Structures are given as C-alpha cells and as structure tokens.
Amino acid sequence: MLVLGYVDALLFGSSLTAYSVLFLPVCVLTAVWVRNGDLMTAPVVLPIAFTVGLIPVADTGGGLGDHLMGLFTALATQAGWLYGGTLIAGLIVTVRKAALLARRAAARRRPQ
C-alpha cells in the first residue's frame, strides 16, 4: 500500500479517491492469497496497510503536526472505503475459513 500511495502521488496528484478505490482490489487479493493459517489476520492488517499507504498521499504541510493532521483528516474522510475494503476481505476470509473447516470435518468422517 505504501508503494501504491507513492504511485498515486506521482500519477494522480495524491488523489484520495483514486487511492481508496485502488485499495479495494488489494483487499480482495489479500483475502484470496493469504495462507490458510493466517486467514484471520487479513482483516486486521488491511486497515494498518491503508494507513501506512496514506503517508505519501495525505496533505502535507511544513511540519510533523501538519502531516499528522493531514493523515488523520484523510483517514476520517476515506473511512467508508476503509470499512468497505475491510468488510470485503472479512467476508472472503470467512467463506474460506468455513470451507476449510468443512473440508477438515469431511476428512475426519471419511473411513481410513
């Protein structure tokens, strides 16, 4: 997400909307590609990644305080995209976890 934030800053002039829309496919890919053992970590890691990627995109001023204010403002204004992406990842991960548990239960029921 940090690299995506820098790409957004270069190509789209730090567009928060473009960054947020590009966050959605990252959420889907993360939920699909995460290992089975780490399924429940994907919805937790995505908001952190979103925040880290906002560092180059958020409005920056002269100092640290201005940069933090821009970061918090970007988080507040883009919260819908953040929640939506996390929800998408959570749903995909839940379906994958249910399928994994069903496969394990079926394997246990099979006669040896």
PDB file of N, CA and C in Angstrom:
ATOM      1  N   MET A   1       0.819  -1.188   0.000  1.00  0.00           N
ATOM      2  CA  MET A   1       0.000   0.000   0.000  1.00  0.00           C
ATOM      3  C   MET A   1       0.867   1.257   0.000  1.00  0.00           C
ATOM      4  N   LEU A   2       2.028   1.191   0.618  1.00  0.00           N
ATOM      5  CA  LEU A   2       2.916   2.348   0.614  1.00  0.00           C
ATOM      6  C   LEU A   2       3.380   2.651  -0.813  1.00  0.00           C
ATOM      7  N   VAL A   3       3.745   1.617  -1.547  1.00  0.00           N
ATOM      8  CA  VAL A   3       4.148   1.808  -2.948  1.00  0.00           C
ATOM      9  C   VAL A   3       2.965   2.329  -3.755  1.00  0.00           C
ATOM     10  N   LEU A   4       1.788   1.802  -3.507  1.00  0.00           N
ATOM     11  CA  LEU A   4       0.588   2.281  -4.200  1.00  0.00           C
ATOM     12  C   LEU A   4       0.319   3.749  -3.869  1.00  0.00           C
ATOM     13  N   GLY A   5       0.580   4.137  -2.636  1.00  0.00           N
ATOM     14  CA  GLY A   5       0.429   5.541  -2.252  1.00  0.00           C
ATOM     15  C   GLY A   5       1.389   6.445  -3.010  1.00  0.00           C
ATOM     16  N   TYR A   6       2.641   6.007  -3.151  1.00  0.00           N
ATOM     17  CA  TYR A   6       3.605   6.799  -3.920  1.00  0.00           C
ATOM     18  C   TYR A   6       3.230   6.855  -5.401  1.00  0.00           C
ATOM     19  N   VAL A   7       2.751   5.756  -5.943  1.00  0.00           N
ATOM     20  CA  VAL A   7       2.303   5.744  -7.338  1.00  0.00           C
ATOM     21  C   VAL A   7       1.125   6.694  -7.517  1.00  0.00           C
ATOM     22  N   ASP A   8       0.203   6.686  -6.569  1.00  0.00           N
ATOM     23  CA  ASP A   8      -0.937   7.598  -6.626  1.00  0.00           C
ATOM     24  C   ASP A   8      -0.473   9.054  -6.548  1.00  0.00           C
ATOM     25  N   ALA A   9       0.494   9.322  -5.694  1.00  0.00           N
ATOM     26  CA  ALA A   9       1.003  10.692  -5.580  1.00  0.00           C
ATOM     27  C   ALA A   9       1.655  11.143  -6.886  1.00  0.00           C
ATOM     28  N   LEU A  10       2.346  10.231  -7.566  1.00  0.00           N
ATOM     29  CA  LEU A  10       3.010  10.593  -8.819  1.00  0.00           C
ATOM     30  C   LEU A  10       2.047  10.706  -9.992  1.00  0.00           C
ATOM     31  N   LEU A  11       1.143   9.734 -10.115  1.00  0.00           N
ATOM     32  CA  LEU A  11       0.274   9.700 -11.292  1.00  0.00           C
ATOM     33  C   LEU A  11      -0.999  10.525 -11.160  1.00  0.00           C
ATOM     34  N   PHE A  12      -1.582  10.518  -9.978  1.00  0.00           N
ATOM     35  CA  PHE A  12      -2.894  11.153  -9.806  1.00  0.00           C
ATOM     36  C   PHE A  12      -2.852  12.404  -8.934  1.00  0.00           C
ATOM     37  N   GLY A  13      -1.668  12.861  -8.563  1.00  0.00           N
ATOM     38  CA  GLY A  13      -1.578  14.080  -7.767  1.00  0.00           C
ATOM     39  C   GLY A  13      -2.115  13.918  -6.364  1.00  0.00           C
ATOM     40  N   SER A  14      -1.877  12.788  -5.743  1.00  0.00           N
ATOM     41  CA  SER A  14      -2.325  12.490  -4.366  1.00  0.00           C
ATOM     42  C   SER A  14      -3.837  12.498  -4.229  1.00  0.00           C
ATOM     43  N   SER A  15      -4.506  11.859  -5.169  1.00  0.00           N
ATOM     44  CA  SER A  15      -5.962  11.762  -5.115  1.00  0.00           C
ATOM     45  C   SER A  15      -6.375  10.719  -4.088  1.00  0.00           C
ATOM     46  N   LEU A  16      -7.097  11.172  -3.064  1.00  0.00           N
ATOM     47  CA  LEU A  16      -7.567  10.244  -2.030  1.00  0.00           C
ATOM     48  C   LEU A  16      -8.586   9.261  -2.582  1.00  0.00           C
ATOM     49  N   THR A  17      -9.409   9.704  -3.497  1.00  0.00           N
ATOM     50  CA  THR A  17     -10.415   8.820  -4.069  1.00  0.00           C
ATOM     51  C   THR A  17      -9.760   7.714  -4.898  1.00  0.00           C
ATOM     52  N   ALA A  18      -8.776   8.078  -5.712  1.00  0.00           N
ATOM     53  CA  ALA A  18      -8.082   7.062  -6.517  1.00  0.00           C
ATOM     54  C   ALA A  18      -7.376   6.062  -5.619  1.00  0.00           C
ATOM     55  N   TYR A  19      -6.733   6.550  -4.561  1.00  0.00           N
ATOM     56  CA  TYR A  19      -6.047   5.657  -3.629  1.00  0.00           C
ATOM     57  C   TYR A  19      -7.045   4.717  -2.962  1.00  0.00           C
ATOM     58  N   SER A  20      -8.172   5.247  -2.554  1.00  0.00           N
ATOM     59  CA  SER A  20      -9.171   4.428  -1.859  1.00  0.00           C
ATOM     60  C   SER A  20      -9.803   3.394  -2.775  1.00  0.00           C
ATOM     61  N   VAL A  21     -10.059   3.769  -4.015  1.00  0.00           N
ATOM     62  CA  VAL A  21     -10.627   2.812  -4.977  1.00  0.00           C
ATOM     63  C   VAL A  21      -9.616   1.706  -5.271  1.00  0.00           C
ATOM     64  N   LEU A  22      -8.340   2.048  -5.363  1.00  0.00           N
ATOM     65  CA  LEU A  22      -7.309   1.045  -5.606  1.00  0.00           C
ATOM     66  C   LEU A  22      -7.083   0.145  -4.385  1.00  0.00           C
ATOM     67  N   PHE A  23      -7.535   0.594  -3.225  1.00  0.00           N
ATOM     68  CA  PHE A  23      -7.421  -0.209  -2.012  1.00  0.00           C
ATOM     69  C   PHE A  23      -8.339  -1.433  -2.072  1.00  0.00           C
ATOM     70  N   LEU A  24      -9.471  -1.328  -2.742  1.00  0.00           N
ATOM     71  CA  LEU A  24     -10.432  -2.434  -2.790  1.00  0.00           C
ATOM     72  C   LEU A  24      -9.869  -3.683  -3.463  1.00  0.00           C
ATOM     73  N   PRO A  25      -9.225  -3.589  -4.641  1.00  0.00           N
ATOM     74  CA  PRO A  25      -8.625  -4.804  -5.207  1.00  0.00           C
ATOM     75  C   PRO A  25      -7.511  -5.380  -4.329  1.00  0.00           C
ATOM     76  N   VAL A  26      -6.793  -4.524  -3.627  1.00  0.00           N
ATOM     77  CA  VAL A  26      -5.763  -5.008  -2.712  1.00  0.00           C
ATOM     78  C   VAL A  26      -6.401  -5.831  -1.602  1.00  0.00           C
ATOM     79  N   CYS A  27      -7.555  -5.397  -1.118  1.00  0.00           N
ATOM     80  CA  CYS A  27      -8.265  -6.149  -0.080  1.00  0.00           C
ATOM     81  C   CYS A  27      -8.681  -7.525  -0.592  1.00  0.00           C
ATOM     82  N   VAL A  28      -9.216  -7.566  -1.797  1.00  0.00           N
ATOM     83  CA  VAL A  28      -9.642  -8.838  -2.376  1.00  0.00           C
ATOM     84  C   VAL A  28      -8.441  -9.755  -2.576  1.00  0.00           C
ATOM     85  N   LEU A  29      -7.380  -9.231  -3.140  1.00  0.00           N
ATOM     86  CA  LEU A  29      -6.187 -10.050  -3.378  1.00  0.00           C
ATOM     87  C   LEU A  29      -5.580 -10.547  -2.074  1.00  0.00           C
ATOM     88  N   THR A  30      -5.562  -9.712  -1.070  1.00  0.00           N
ATOM     89  CA  THR A  30      -5.022 -10.130   0.224  1.00  0.00           C
ATOM     90  C   THR A  30      -5.851 -11.257   0.813  1.00  0.00           C
ATOM     91  N   ALA A  31      -7.163 -11.126   0.761  1.00  0.00           N
ATOM     92  CA  ALA A  31      -8.031 -12.155   1.324  1.00  0.00           C
ATOM     93  C   ALA A  31      -7.949 -13.464   0.540  1.00  0.00           C
ATOM     94  N   VAL A  32      -7.696 -13.391  -0.746  1.00  0.00           N
ATOM     95  CA  VAL A  32      -7.620 -14.592  -1.570  1.00  0.00           C
ATOM     96  C   VAL A  32      -6.255 -15.272  -1.443  1.00  0.00           C
ATOM     97  N   TRP A  33      -5.191 -14.490  -1.343  1.00  0.00           N
ATOM     98  CA  TRP A  33      -3.846 -15.051  -1.358  1.00  0.00           C
ATOM     99  C   TRP A  33      -3.268 -15.383   0.007  1.00  0.00           C
ATOM    100  N   VAL A  34      -3.898 -14.979   1.081  1.00  0.00           N
ATOM    101  CA  VAL A  34      -3.331 -15.233   2.404  1.00  0.00           C
ATOM    102  C   VAL A  34      -3.350 -16.733   2.699  1.00  0.00           C
ATOM    103  N   ARG A  35      -2.328 -17.199   3.425  1.00  0.00           N
ATOM    104  CA  ARG A  35      -2.250 -18.622   3.761  1.00  0.00           C
ATOM    105  C   ARG A  35      -3.425 -19.021   4.648  1.00  0.00           C
ATOM    106  N   ASN A  36      -3.763 -20.302   4.608  1.00  0.00           N
ATOM    107  CA  ASN A  36      -4.876 -20.787   5.422  1.00  0.00           C
ATOM    108  C   ASN A  36      -4.639 -20.557   6.909  1.00  0.00           C
ATOM    109  N   GLY A  37      -3.409 -20.674   7.354  1.00  0.00           N
ATOM    110  CA  GLY A  37      -3.108 -20.472   8.761  1.00  0.00           C
ATOM    111  C   GLY A  37      -3.225 -19.026   9.208  1.00  0.00           C
ATOM    112  N   ASP A  38      -3.199 -18.095   8.274  1.00  0.00           N
ATOM    113  CA  ASP A  38      -3.248 -16.670   8.593  1.00  0.00           C
ATOM    114  C   ASP A  38      -4.555 -16.013   8.156  1.00  0.00           C
ATOM    115  N   LEU A  39      -5.600 -16.778   7.978  1.00  0.00           N
ATOM    116  CA  LEU A  39      -6.844 -16.223   7.445  1.00  0.00           C
ATOM    117  C   LEU A  39      -7.414 -15.086   8.291  1.00  0.00           C
ATOM    118  N   MET A  40      -7.351 -15.220   9.581  1.00  0.00           N
ATOM    119  CA  MET A  40      -7.980 -14.219  10.435  1.00  0.00           C
ATOM    120  C   MET A  40      -7.141 -12.948  10.594  1.00  0.00           C
ATOM    121  N   THR A  41      -5.910 -12.950  10.098  1.00  0.00           N
ATOM    122  CA  THR A  41      -5.084 -11.750  10.209  1.00  0.00           C
ATOM    123  C   THR A  41      -5.322 -10.766   9.066  1.00  0.00           C
ATOM    124  N   ALA A  42      -5.847 -11.216   7.953  1.00  0.00           N
ATOM    125  CA  ALA A  42      -6.032 -10.334   6.794  1.00  0.00           C
ATOM    126  C   ALA A  42      -6.923  -9.129   7.110  1.00  0.00           C
ATOM    127  N   PRO A  43      -8.090  -9.306   7.734  1.00  0.00           N
ATOM    128  CA  PRO A  43      -8.905  -8.125   8.029  1.00  0.00           C
ATOM    129  C   PRO A  43      -8.282  -7.194   9.069  1.00  0.00           C
ATOM    130  N   VAL A  44      -7.324  -7.686   9.832  1.00  0.00           N
ATOM    131  CA  VAL A  44      -6.662  -6.840  10.826  1.00  0.00           C
ATOM    132  C   VAL A  44      -5.534  -6.038  10.187  1.00  0.00           C
ATOM    133  N   VAL A  45      -4.822  -6.634   9.255  1.00  0.00           N
ATOM    134  CA  VAL A  45      -3.668  -6.000   8.644  1.00  0.00           C
ATOM    135  C   VAL A  45      -4.082  -4.935   7.628  1.00  0.00           C
ATOM    136  N   LEU A  46      -5.206  -5.100   6.982  1.00  0.00           N
ATOM    137  CA  LEU A  46      -5.599  -4.181   5.910  1.00  0.00           C
ATOM    138  C   LEU A  46      -5.781  -2.732   6.367  1.00  0.00           C
ATOM    139  N   PRO A  47      -6.444  -2.448   7.486  1.00  0.00           N
ATOM    140  CA  PRO A  47      -6.523  -1.043   7.912  1.00  0.00           C
ATOM    141  C   PRO A  47      -5.156  -0.439   8.238  1.00  0.00           C
ATOM    142  N   ILE A  48      -4.252  -1.256   8.766  1.00  0.00           N
ATOM    143  CA  ILE A  48      -2.906  -0.762   9.045  1.00  0.00           C
ATOM    144  C   ILE A  48      -2.204  -0.424   7.734  1.00  0.00           C
ATOM    145  N   ALA A  49      -2.338  -1.296   6.751  1.00  0.00           N
ATOM    146  CA  ALA A  49      -1.726  -1.047   5.442  1.00  0.00           C
ATOM    147  C   ALA A  49      -2.330   0.192   4.782  1.00  0.00           C
ATOM    148  N   PHE A  50      -3.634   0.378   4.922  1.00  0.00           N
ATOM    149  CA  PHE A  50      -4.292   1.556   4.367  1.00  0.00           C
ATOM    150  C   PHE A  50      -3.704   2.828   4.966  1.00  0.00           C
ATOM    151  N   THR A  51      -3.503   2.818   6.273  1.00  0.00           N
ATOM    152  CA  THR A  51      -2.963   3.989   6.961  1.00  0.00           C
ATOM    153  C   THR A  51      -1.524   4.263   6.537  1.00  0.00           C
ATOM    154  N   VAL A  52      -0.716   3.232   6.443  1.00  0.00           N
ATOM    155  CA  VAL A  52       0.674   3.416   6.026  1.00  0.00           C
ATOM    156  C   VAL A  52       0.732   3.950   4.595  1.00  0.00           C
ATOM    157  N   GLY A  53      -0.131   3.467   3.738  1.00  0.00           N
ATOM    158  CA  GLY A  53      -0.147   3.941   2.362  1.00  0.00           C
ATOM    159  C   GLY A  53      -0.631   5.370   2.213  1.00  0.00           C
ATOM    160  N   LEU A  54      -1.338   5.878   3.215  1.00  0.00           N
ATOM    161  CA  LEU A  54      -1.799   7.266   3.157  1.00  0.00           C
ATOM    162  C   LEU A  54      -0.685   8.272   3.411  1.00  0.00           C
ATOM    163  N   ILE A  55       0.436   7.823   3.932  1.00  0.00           N
ATOM    164  CA  ILE A  55       1.512   8.748   4.286  1.00  0.00           C
ATOM    165  C   ILE A  55       1.939   9.614   3.090  1.00  0.00           C
ATOM    166  N   PRO A  56       2.202   9.053   1.910  1.00  0.00           N
ATOM    167  CA  PRO A  56       2.571   9.939   0.797  1.00  0.00           C
ATOM    168  C   PRO A  56       1.389  10.651   0.143  1.00  0.00           C
ATOM    169  N   VAL A  57       0.177  10.191   0.423  1.00  0.00           N
ATOM    170  CA  VAL A  57      -0.995  10.746  -0.252  1.00  0.00           C
ATOM    171  C   VAL A  57      -1.630  11.880   0.543  1.00  0.00           C
ATOM    172  N   ALA A  58      -1.559  11.808   1.866  1.00  0.00           N
ATOM    173  CA  ALA A  58      -2.226  12.788   2.716  1.00  0.00           C
ATOM    174  C   ALA A  58      -1.628  14.175   2.508  1.00  0.00           C
ATOM    175  N   ASP A  59      -2.462  15.186   2.731  1.00  0.00           N
ATOM    176  CA  ASP A  59      -1.998  16.567   2.624  1.00  0.00           C
ATOM    177  C   ASP A  59      -0.872  16.805   3.612  1.00  0.00           C
ATOM    178  N   THR A  60       0.200  17.364   3.115  1.00  0.00           N
ATOM    179  CA  THR A  60       1.334  17.636   3.986  1.00  0.00           C
ATOM    180  C   THR A  60       1.555  19.128   4.084  1.00  0.00           C
ATOM    181  N   GLY A  61       1.985  19.532   5.224  1.00  0.00           N
ATOM    182  CA  GLY A  61       2.324  20.938   5.433  1.00  0.00           C
ATOM    183  C   GLY A  61       3.802  21.059   5.718  1.00  0.00           C
ATOM    184  N   GLY A  62       4.133  22.024   6.525  1.00  0.00           N
ATOM    185  CA  GLY A  62       5.530  22.275   6.808  1.00  0.00           C
ATOM    186  C   GLY A  62       6.137  21.352   7.838  1.00  0.00           C
ATOM    187  N   GLY A  63       5.358  20.891   8.805  1.00  0.00           N
ATOM    188  CA  GLY A  63       5.958  20.125   9.883  1.00  0.00           C
ATOM    189  C   GLY A  63       5.249  18.824  10.151  1.00  0.00           C
ATOM    190  N   LEU A  64       5.687  18.196  11.221  1.00  0.00           N
ATOM    191  CA  LEU A  64       5.123  16.907  11.605  1.00  0.00           C
ATOM    192  C   LEU A  64       3.647  17.036  11.996  1.00  0.00           C
ATOM    193  N   GLY A  65       3.315  18.083  12.713  1.00  0.00           N
ATOM    194  CA  GLY A  65       1.927  18.294  13.120  1.00  0.00           C
ATOM    195  C   GLY A  65       0.991  18.445  11.930  1.00  0.00           C
ATOM    196  N   ASP A  66       1.437  19.189  10.925  1.00  0.00           N
ATOM    197  CA  ASP A  66       0.618  19.353   9.720  1.00  0.00           C
ATOM    198  C   ASP A  66       0.457  18.037   8.973  1.00  0.00           C
ATOM    199  N   HIS A  67       1.529  17.251   8.943  1.00  0.00           N
ATOM    200  CA  HIS A  67       1.455  15.959   8.255  1.00  0.00           C
ATOM    201  C   HIS A  67       0.516  15.005   9.004  1.00  0.00           C
ATOM    202  N   LEU A  68       0.599  14.980  10.318  1.00  0.00           N
ATOM    203  CA  LEU A  68      -0.309  14.133  11.101  1.00  0.00           C
ATOM    204  C   LEU A  68      -1.752  14.577  10.945  1.00  0.00           C
ATOM    205  N   MET A  69      -1.996  15.882  10.924  1.00  0.00           N
ATOM    206  CA  MET A  69      -3.355  16.390  10.739  1.00  0.00           C
ATOM    207  C   MET A  69      -3.897  15.976   9.370  1.00  0.00           C
ATOM    208  N   GLY A  70      -3.060  16.038   8.339  1.00  0.00           N
ATOM    209  CA  GLY A  70      -3.481  15.597   7.011  1.00  0.00           C
ATOM    210  C   GLY A  70      -3.772  14.111   6.982  1.00  0.00           C
ATOM    211  N   LEU A  71      -2.959  13.327   7.698  1.00  0.00           N
ATOM    212  CA  LEU A  71      -3.170  11.887   7.760  1.00  0.00           C
ATOM    213  C   LEU A  71      -4.485  11.555   8.459  1.00  0.00           C
ATOM    214  N   PHE A  72      -4.741  12.195   9.597  1.00  0.00           N
ATOM    215  CA  PHE A  72      -5.992  11.937  10.329  1.00  0.00           C
ATOM    216  C   PHE A  72      -7.211  12.407   9.545  1.00  0.00           C
ATOM    217  N   THR A  73      -7.072  13.519   8.855  1.00  0.00           N
ATOM    218  CA  THR A  73      -8.181  14.005   8.029  1.00  0.00           C
ATOM    219  C   THR A  73      -8.464  13.037   6.885  1.00  0.00           C
ATOM    220  N   ALA A  74      -7.403  12.529   6.255  1.00  0.00           N
ATOM    221  CA  ALA A  74      -7.585  11.555   5.172  1.00  0.00           C
ATOM    222  C   ALA A  74      -8.238  10.284   5.696  1.00  0.00           C
ATOM    223  N   LEU A  75      -7.836   9.824   6.868  1.00  0.00           N
ATOM    224  CA  LEU A  75      -8.473   8.643   7.453  1.00  0.00           C
ATOM    225  C   LEU A  75      -9.951   8.893   7.728  1.00  0.00           C
ATOM    226  N   ALA A  76     -10.268  10.075   8.213  1.00  0.00           N
ATOM    227  CA  ALA A  76     -11.662  10.388   8.530  1.00  0.00           C
ATOM    228  C   ALA A  76     -12.521  10.498   7.273  1.00  0.00           C
ATOM    229  N   THR A  77     -11.980  11.116   6.234  1.00  0.00           N
ATOM    230  CA  THR A  77     -12.787  11.318   5.025  1.00  0.00           C
ATOM    231  C   THR A  77     -12.880  10.062   4.163  1.00  0.00           C
ATOM    232  N   GLN A  78     -11.945   9.146   4.308  1.00  0.00           N
ATOM    233  CA  GLN A  78     -11.940   7.932   3.499  1.00  0.00           C
ATOM    234  C   GLN A  78     -12.343   6.701   4.308  1.00  0.00           C
ATOM    235  N   ALA A  79     -12.969   6.906   5.446  1.00  0.00           N
ATOM    236  CA  ALA A  79     -13.339   5.797   6.327  1.00  0.00           C
ATOM    237  C   ALA A  79     -14.300   4.823   5.651  1.00  0.00           C
ATOM    238  N   GLY A  80     -15.178   5.304   4.822  1.00  0.00           N
ATOM    239  CA  GLY A  80     -16.117   4.420   4.130  1.00  0.00           C
ATOM    240  C   GLY A  80     -15.401   3.409   3.245  1.00  0.00           C
ATOM    241  N   TRP A  81     -14.400   3.877   2.505  1.00  0.00           N
ATOM    242  CA  TRP A  81     -13.617   2.977   1.663  1.00  0.00           C
ATOM    243  C   TRP A  81     -12.841   1.983   2.515  1.00  0.00           C
ATOM    244  N   LEU A  82     -12.296   2.472   3.618  1.00  0.00           N
ATOM    245  CA  LEU A  82     -11.531   1.606   4.524  1.00  0.00           C
ATOM    246  C   LEU A  82     -12.425   0.517   5.105  1.00  0.00           C
ATOM    247  N   TYR A  83     -13.586   0.895   5.590  1.00  0.00           N
ATOM    248  CA  TYR A  83     -14.524  -0.095   6.149  1.00  0.00           C
ATOM    249  C   TYR A  83     -15.022  -1.049   5.077  1.00  0.00           C
ATOM    250  N   GLY A  84     -15.306  -0.523   3.889  1.00  0.00           N
ATOM    251  CA  GLY A  84     -15.782  -1.371   2.807  1.00  0.00           C
ATOM    252  C   GLY A  84     -14.762  -2.413   2.387  1.00  0.00           C
ATOM    253  N   GLY A  85     -13.515  -2.002   2.237  1.00  0.00           N
ATOM    254  CA  GLY A  85     -12.471  -2.947   1.874  1.00  0.00           C
ATOM    255  C   GLY A  85     -12.231  -3.990   2.940  1.00  0.00           C
ATOM    256  N   THR A  86     -12.253  -3.555   4.193  1.00  0.00           N
ATOM    257  CA  THR A  86     -12.074  -4.491   5.296  1.00  0.00           C
ATOM    258  C   THR A  86     -13.246  -5.463   5.368  1.00  0.00           C
ATOM    259  N   LEU A  87     -14.453  -4.988   5.103  1.00  0.00           N
ATOM    260  CA  LEU A  87     -15.629  -5.861   5.090  1.00  0.00           C
ATOM    261  C   LEU A  87     -15.540  -6.886   3.967  1.00  0.00           C
ATOM    262  N   ILE A  88     -15.113  -6.457   2.798  1.00  0.00           N
ATOM    263  CA  ILE A  88     -14.948  -7.390   1.673  1.00  0.00           C
ATOM    264  C   ILE A  88     -13.946  -8.475   2.029  1.00  0.00           C
ATOM    265  N   ALA A  89     -12.814  -8.065   2.569  1.00  0.00           N
ATOM    266  CA  ALA A  89     -11.793  -9.046   2.960  1.00  0.00           C
ATOM    267  C   ALA A  89     -12.324  -9.963   4.052  1.00  0.00           C
ATOM    268  N   GLY A  90     -13.043  -9.408   5.005  1.00  0.00           N
ATOM    269  CA  GLY A  90     -13.605 -10.225   6.078  1.00  0.00           C
ATOM    270  C   GLY A  90     -14.586 -11.266   5.562  1.00  0.00           C
ATOM    271  N   LEU A  91     -15.411 -10.896   4.597  1.00  0.00           N
ATOM    272  CA  LEU A  91     -16.359 -11.853   4.022  1.00  0.00           C
ATOM    273  C   LEU A  91     -15.651 -12.961   3.254  1.00  0.00           C
ATOM    274  N   ILE A  92     -14.654 -12.589   2.464  1.00  0.00           N
ATOM    275  CA  ILE A  92     -13.913 -13.602   1.706  1.00  0.00           C
ATOM    276  C   ILE A  92     -13.190 -14.549   2.648  1.00  0.00           C
ATOM    277  N   VAL A  93     -12.571 -14.006   3.671  1.00  0.00           N
ATOM    278  CA  VAL A  93     -11.840 -14.824   4.635  1.00  0.00           C
ATOM    279  C   VAL A  93     -12.794 -15.742   5.400  1.00  0.00           C
ATOM    280  N   THR A  94     -13.965 -15.248   5.739  1.00  0.00           N
ATOM    281  CA  THR A  94     -14.950 -16.069   6.444  1.00  0.00           C
ATOM    282  C   THR A  94     -15.404 -17.241   5.589  1.00  0.00           C
ATOM    283  N   VAL A  95     -15.655 -16.994   4.314  1.00  0.00           N
ATOM    284  CA  VAL A  95     -16.053 -18.076   3.407  1.00  0.00           C
ATOM    285  C   VAL A  95     -14.916 -19.083   3.256  1.00  0.00           C
ATOM    286  N   ARG A  96     -13.681 -18.594   3.117  1.00  0.00           N
ATOM    287  CA  ARG A  96     -12.541 -19.512   3.013  1.00  0.00           C
ATOM    288  C   ARG A  96     -12.371 -20.339   4.280  1.00  0.00           C
ATOM    289  N   LYS A  97     -12.545 -19.719   5.436  1.00  0.00           N
ATOM    290  CA  LYS A  97     -12.387 -20.436   6.706  1.00  0.00           C
ATOM    291  C   LYS A  97     -13.479 -21.494   6.860  1.00  0.00           C
ATOM    292  N   ALA A  98     -14.714 -21.151   6.495  1.00  0.00           N
ATOM    293  CA  ALA A  98     -15.807 -22.124   6.571  1.00  0.00           C
ATOM    294  C   ALA A  98     -15.552 -23.305   5.641  1.00  0.00           C
ATOM    295  N   ALA A  99     -15.055 -23.041   4.443  1.00  0.00           N
ATOM    296  CA  ALA A  99     -14.751 -24.124   3.500  1.00  0.00           C
ATOM    297  C   ALA A  99     -13.612 -24.991   4.024  1.00  0.00           C
ATOM    298  N   LEU A 100     -12.620 -24.371   4.636  1.00  0.00           N
ATOM    299  CA  LEU A 100     -11.503 -25.122   5.212  1.00  0.00           C
ATOM    300  C   LEU A 100     -11.976 -26.027   6.345  1.00  0.00           C
ATOM    301  N   LEU A 101     -12.829 -25.496   7.212  1.00  0.00           N
ATOM    302  CA  LEU A 101     -13.359 -26.303   8.316  1.00  0.00           C
ATOM    303  C   LEU A 101     -14.241 -27.443   7.804  1.00  0.00           C
ATOM    304  N   ALA A 102     -15.009 -27.183   6.750  1.00  0.00           N
ATOM    305  CA  ALA A 102     -15.851 -28.232   6.173  1.00  0.00           C
ATOM    306  C   ALA A 102     -14.997 -29.340   5.561  1.00  0.00           C
ATOM    307  N   ARG A 103     -13.913 -28.978   4.885  1.00  0.00           N
ATOM    308  CA  ARG A 103     -13.008 -29.989   4.318  1.00  0.00           C
ATOM    309  C   ARG A 103     -12.358 -30.823   5.419  1.00  0.00           C
ATOM    310  N   ARG A 104     -11.960 -30.178   6.492  1.00  0.00           N
ATOM    311  CA  ARG A 104     -11.344 -30.916   7.600  1.00  0.00           C
ATOM    312  C   ARG A 104     -12.348 -31.874   8.247  1.00  0.00           C
ATOM    313  N   ALA A 105     -13.580 -31.418   8.427  1.00  0.00           N
ATOM    314  CA  ALA A 105     -14.603 -32.281   9.018  1.00  0.00           C
ATOM    315  C   ALA A 105     -14.910 -33.461   8.104  1.00  0.00           C
ATOM    316  N   ALA A 106     -14.964 -33.226   6.805  1.00  0.00           N
ATOM    317  CA  ALA A 106     -15.224 -34.311   5.863  1.00  0.00           C
ATOM    318  C   ALA A 106     -14.074 -35.309   5.859  1.00  0.00           C
ATOM    319  N   ALA A 107     -12.859 -34.820   5.993  1.00  0.00           N
ATOM    320  CA  ALA A 107     -11.705 -35.726   6.030  1.00  0.00           C
ATOM    321  C   ALA A 107     -11.711 -36.587   7.295  1.00  0.00           C
ATOM    322  N   ARG A 108     -12.175 -36.029   8.391  1.00  0.00           N
ATOM    323  CA  ARG A 108     -12.260 -36.807   9.628  1.00  0.00           C
ATOM    324  C   ARG A 108     -13.355 -37.869   9.572  1.00  0.00           C
ATOM    325  N   ARG A 109     -14.412 -37.576   8.861  1.00  0.00           N
ATOM    326  CA  ARG A 109     -15.521 -38.527   8.765  1.00  0.00           C
ATOM    327  C   ARG A 109     -15.251 -39.669   7.798  1.00  0.00           C
ATOM    328  N   ARG A 110     -14.317 -39.461   6.875  1.00  0.00           N
ATOM    329  CA  ARG A 110     -14.000 -40.486   5.888  1.00  0.00           C
ATOM    330  C   ARG A 110     -13.348 -41.686   6.563  1.00  0.00           C
ATOM    331  N   PRO A 111     -13.790 -42.900   6.203  1.00  0.00           N
ATOM    332  CA  PRO A 111     -13.169 -44.078   6.814  1.00  0.00           C
ATOM    333  C   PRO A 111     -11.721 -44.247   6.356  1.00  0.00           C
ATOM    334  N   GLN A 112     -10.899 -44.677   7.261  1.00  0.00           N
ATOM    335  CA  GLN A 112      -9.457 -44.831   6.974  1.00  0.00           C
ATOM    336  C   GLN A 112      -9.178 -46.122   6.274  1.00  0.00           C
TER     337      GLN A 112
END
